[in-house]
Amino acid sequence: MKKLNCLECDAELAVPSDAIQGEVVTCRDCSTAYELVSEDGGLFSLKPAELEEEDWGE
């Protein structure tokens, strides 16, 4: 399992060893969601996830 740090609260995020590009991981401490972005060498970086909000017909 790989480790990355949350960009909001600096808590450690566990990234599964079988993670893939575009997978979403969530910080256990602050609940911020991140999308995994593939880097050279099979490493990942984090970018804030673009979560779809419900419209409720507005």
C-alpha atoms as a PDB file:
ATOM      1  CA  MET A   1       0.000   0.000   0.000  1.00  0.00           C
ATOM      2  CA  LYS A   2       1.366   3.416  -0.966  1.00  0.00           C
ATOM      3  CA  LYS A   3       1.021   6.527   1.156  1.00  0.00           C
ATOM      4  CA  LEU A   4       0.243  10.095   0.095  1.00  0.00           C
ATOM      5  CA  ASN A   5      -0.554  13.104   2.274  1.00  0.00           C
ATOM      6  CA  CYS A   6      -3.868  14.952   2.197  1.00  0.00           C
ATOM      7  CA  LEU A   7      -3.510  18.400   0.627  1.00  0.00           C
ATOM      8  CA  GLU A   8      -5.977  19.893   3.150  1.00  0.00           C
ATOM      9  CA  CYS A   9      -4.982  18.484   6.546  1.00  0.00           C
ATOM     10  CA  ASP A  10      -1.699  16.630   5.772  1.00  0.00           C
ATOM     11  CA  ALA A  11      -3.074  13.326   7.099  1.00  0.00           C
ATOM     12  CA  GLU A  12      -1.705  10.160   5.534  1.00  0.00           C
ATOM     13  CA  LEU A  13      -3.873   8.642   2.781  1.00  0.00           C
ATOM     14  CA  ALA A  14      -3.608   4.929   2.084  1.00  0.00           C
ATOM     15  CA  VAL A  15      -3.507   4.165  -1.641  1.00  0.00           C
ATOM     16  CA  PRO A  16      -4.202   0.498  -2.497  1.00  0.00           C
ATOM     17  CA  SER A  17      -1.391  -1.266  -4.356  1.00  0.00           C
ATOM     18  CA  ASP A  18      -3.841  -2.100  -7.171  1.00  0.00           C
ATOM     19  CA  ALA A  19      -5.073   1.508  -7.546  1.00  0.00           C
ATOM     20  CA  ILE A  20      -5.677   2.841 -11.061  1.00  0.00           C
ATOM     21  CA  GLN A  21      -5.650   6.266 -12.734  1.00  0.00           C
ATOM     22  CA  GLY A  22      -8.833   8.191 -11.913  1.00  0.00           C
ATOM     23  CA  GLU A  23      -9.704   6.231  -8.772  1.00  0.00           C
ATOM     24  CA  VAL A  24     -11.084   8.392  -5.955  1.00  0.00           C
ATOM     25  CA  VAL A  25      -9.646   8.198  -2.432  1.00  0.00           C
ATOM     26  CA  THR A  26     -11.046  10.043   0.588  1.00  0.00           C
ATOM     27  CA  CYS A  27      -9.194  11.414   3.601  1.00  0.00           C
ATOM     28  CA  ARG A  28     -10.350   9.749   6.819  1.00  0.00           C
ATOM     29  CA  ASP A  29      -9.663  12.890   8.862  1.00  0.00           C
ATOM     30  CA  CYS A  30     -11.256  15.724   6.831  1.00  0.00           C
ATOM     31  CA  SER A  31     -13.346  13.769   4.249  1.00  0.00           C
ATOM     32  CA  THR A  32     -11.756  15.553   1.272  1.00  0.00           C
ATOM     33  CA  ALA A  33     -11.985  13.444  -1.909  1.00  0.00           C
ATOM     34  CA  TYR A  34      -9.054  13.177  -4.334  1.00  0.00           C
ATOM     35  CA  GLU A  35      -8.626  11.662  -7.766  1.00  0.00           C
ATOM     36  CA  LEU A  36      -5.436   9.679  -8.371  1.00  0.00           C
ATOM     37  CA  VAL A  37      -3.334  11.013 -11.247  1.00  0.00           C
ATOM     38  CA  SER A  38      -0.676   8.735 -12.721  1.00  0.00           C
ATOM     39  CA  GLU A  39       2.905  10.046 -12.698  1.00  0.00           C
ATOM     40  CA  ASP A  40       6.065   8.634 -14.287  1.00  0.00           C
ATOM     41  CA  GLY A  41       7.372   5.470 -12.703  1.00  0.00           C
ATOM     42  CA  GLY A  42       3.950   4.190 -11.626  1.00  0.00           C
ATOM     43  CA  LEU A  43       3.580   6.764  -8.851  1.00  0.00           C
ATOM     44  CA  PHE A  44       0.427   8.750  -8.161  1.00  0.00           C
ATOM     45  CA  SER A  45      -0.258  12.352  -7.270  1.00  0.00           C
ATOM     46  CA  LEU A  46      -3.500  13.820  -5.955  1.00  0.00           C
ATOM     47  CA  LYS A  47      -5.901  16.290  -7.490  1.00  0.00           C
ATOM     48  CA  PRO A  48      -9.156  17.407  -5.885  1.00  0.00           C
ATOM     49  CA  ALA A  49     -11.978  15.176  -7.116  1.00  0.00           C
ATOM     50  CA  GLU A  50     -14.727  16.794  -9.134  1.00  0.00           C
ATOM     51  CA  LEU A  51     -17.770  15.252  -7.523  1.00  0.00           C
ATOM     52  CA  GLU A  52     -21.125  15.706  -9.183  1.00  0.00           C
ATOM     53  CA  GLU A  53     -23.668  17.476  -7.025  1.00  0.00           C
ATOM     54  CA  GLU A  54     -27.357  16.603  -7.128  1.00  0.00           C
ATOM     55  CA  ASP A  55     -29.516  19.121  -8.946  1.00  0.00           C
ATOM     56  CA  TRP A  56     -32.858  18.583  -7.159  1.00  0.00           C
ATOM     57  CA  GLY A  57     -34.624  20.158 -10.173  1.00  0.00           C
ATOM     58  CA  GLU A  58     -33.451  23.716  -9.585  1.00  0.00           C
END
